[in-house]
Amino acid sequence: MERYELSILDVYGEPAEELKRNLSTLFGTRAGAQPADREFGISWECLDEIPEAAESLFFLEATRKVERYEPRVNIHDIVFEQKEGRLTPHIYFKGKEEL
């Protein structure tokens, strides 16, 4: 899973840009790569599993990390696209009411 696509629903303007930047950093960082916070980022261990299991494990990992590192949004949906042996998650977020 080398690529991902992020979409933020129902949040616009500068807050949406900031959220997308923060989420891009989170999803673009491999867990364990940040010396100050080894939990930051997404674990790629799920990629060793069959596609169906990988999707479930990725969803759980993404949900846990978004709750911890970007609590202003919730994951609304993740749609996985399999193409030429690659799994690409399309992740849709919704802002929480306090935004």
Protein backbone atom coordinates (compact mmCIF):
# COMPACT_ATOMS: atom_id res chain seq x y z
CA MET A 1 0.00 0.00 0.00
CA GLU A 2 2.11 2.81 -1.24
CA ARG A 3 -0.67 5.27 -2.03
CA TYR A 4 -3.76 6.51 -0.35
CA GLU A 5 -6.35 9.15 -1.11
CA LEU A 6 -7.90 11.40 1.52
CA SER A 7 -11.23 13.23 1.29
CA ILE A 8 -12.68 15.43 3.99
CA LEU A 9 -16.44 15.79 3.81
CA ASP A 10 -18.41 18.72 5.26
CA VAL A 11 -15.38 20.83 6.34
CA TYR A 12 -14.30 23.69 4.10
CA GLY A 13 -11.71 26.44 3.79
CA GLU A 14 -8.63 26.73 5.96
CA PRO A 15 -9.72 24.12 8.55
CA ALA A 16 -10.10 21.55 5.75
CA GLU A 17 -6.63 22.35 4.39
CA GLU A 18 -5.08 22.01 7.85
CA LEU A 19 -6.88 18.72 8.50
CA LYS A 20 -5.83 17.31 5.14
CA ARG A 21 -2.21 18.33 5.77
CA ASN A 22 -2.24 16.74 9.24
CA LEU A 23 -3.89 13.55 8.00
CA SER A 24 -1.52 13.33 5.03
CA THR A 25 1.41 13.52 7.43
CA LEU A 26 -0.12 10.85 9.66
CA PHE A 27 -0.92 8.45 6.81
CA GLY A 28 2.35 9.17 5.01
CA THR A 29 4.48 8.26 8.03
CA ARG A 30 5.35 4.68 8.88
CA ALA A 31 4.75 3.86 12.56
CA GLY A 32 8.03 3.85 14.46
CA ALA A 33 9.74 6.34 12.15
CA GLN A 34 9.36 9.38 14.43
CA PRO A 35 11.98 9.32 17.22
CA ALA A 36 9.94 11.56 19.54
CA ASP A 37 6.74 9.52 19.15
CA ARG A 38 7.17 5.95 17.92
CA GLU A 39 3.39 5.43 17.82
CA PHE A 40 2.87 8.22 15.28
CA GLY A 41 2.13 7.00 11.77
CA ILE A 42 0.49 3.93 10.29
CA SER A 43 1.73 0.39 10.82
CA TRP A 44 2.28 -1.53 7.60
CA GLU A 45 2.13 -4.96 9.25
CA CYS A 46 -1.33 -5.54 7.80
CA LEU A 47 0.20 -5.76 4.33
CA ASP A 48 1.49 -9.24 5.12
CA GLU A 49 -2.09 -10.52 5.33
CA ILE A 50 -4.52 -11.59 2.62
CA PRO A 51 -6.38 -8.59 1.12
CA GLU A 52 -9.58 -9.07 3.14
CA ALA A 53 -7.69 -9.27 6.44
CA ALA A 54 -5.39 -6.42 5.41
CA GLU A 55 -8.41 -4.19 4.82
CA SER A 56 -9.87 -4.92 8.26
CA LEU A 57 -6.55 -4.47 10.05
CA PHE A 58 -5.85 -1.23 8.19
CA PHE A 59 -9.31 0.10 9.10
CA LEU A 60 -8.68 -0.63 12.79
CA GLU A 61 -5.20 0.92 12.70
CA ALA A 62 -6.42 4.02 10.86
CA THR A 63 -9.35 4.49 13.25
CA ARG A 64 -7.13 4.18 16.31
CA LYS A 65 -4.52 6.61 14.98
CA VAL A 66 -7.04 9.22 13.79
CA GLU A 67 -8.75 9.17 17.20
CA ARG A 68 -5.40 9.77 18.87
CA TYR A 69 -3.69 12.23 16.52
CA GLU A 70 -6.50 14.12 14.78
CA PRO A 71 -9.54 14.03 17.07
CA ARG A 72 -11.34 16.76 15.11
CA VAL A 73 -12.50 14.21 12.50
CA ASN A 74 -13.93 10.71 12.30
CA ILE A 75 -13.37 8.18 9.57
CA HIS A 76 -16.63 8.08 7.64
CA ASP A 77 -15.63 5.29 5.24
CA ILE A 78 -12.64 3.55 3.69
CA VAL A 79 -13.01 2.12 0.21
CA PHE A 80 -10.21 -0.15 -0.97
CA GLU A 81 -9.21 -0.38 -4.60
CA GLN A 82 -7.16 -3.35 -5.78
CA LYS A 83 -5.31 -2.79 -9.00
CA GLU A 84 -2.32 -4.67 -10.38
CA GLY A 85 -1.53 -6.22 -7.00
CA ARG A 86 -1.70 -2.92 -5.12
CA LEU A 87 -4.18 -2.02 -2.46
CA THR A 88 -5.11 1.68 -2.41
CA PRO A 89 -7.33 2.94 0.40
CA HIS A 90 -9.63 5.88 -0.31
CA ILE A 91 -10.29 7.35 3.12
CA TYR A 92 -13.28 9.62 3.75
CA PHE A 93 -13.43 11.76 6.88
CA LYS A 94 -16.18 13.84 8.46
CA GLY A 95 -15.59 16.70 10.83
CA LYS A 96 -16.90 16.42 14.34
CA GLU A 97 -19.61 18.85 15.38
CA GLU A 98 -17.31 21.12 17.37
CA LEU A 99 -15.44 22.19 14.21
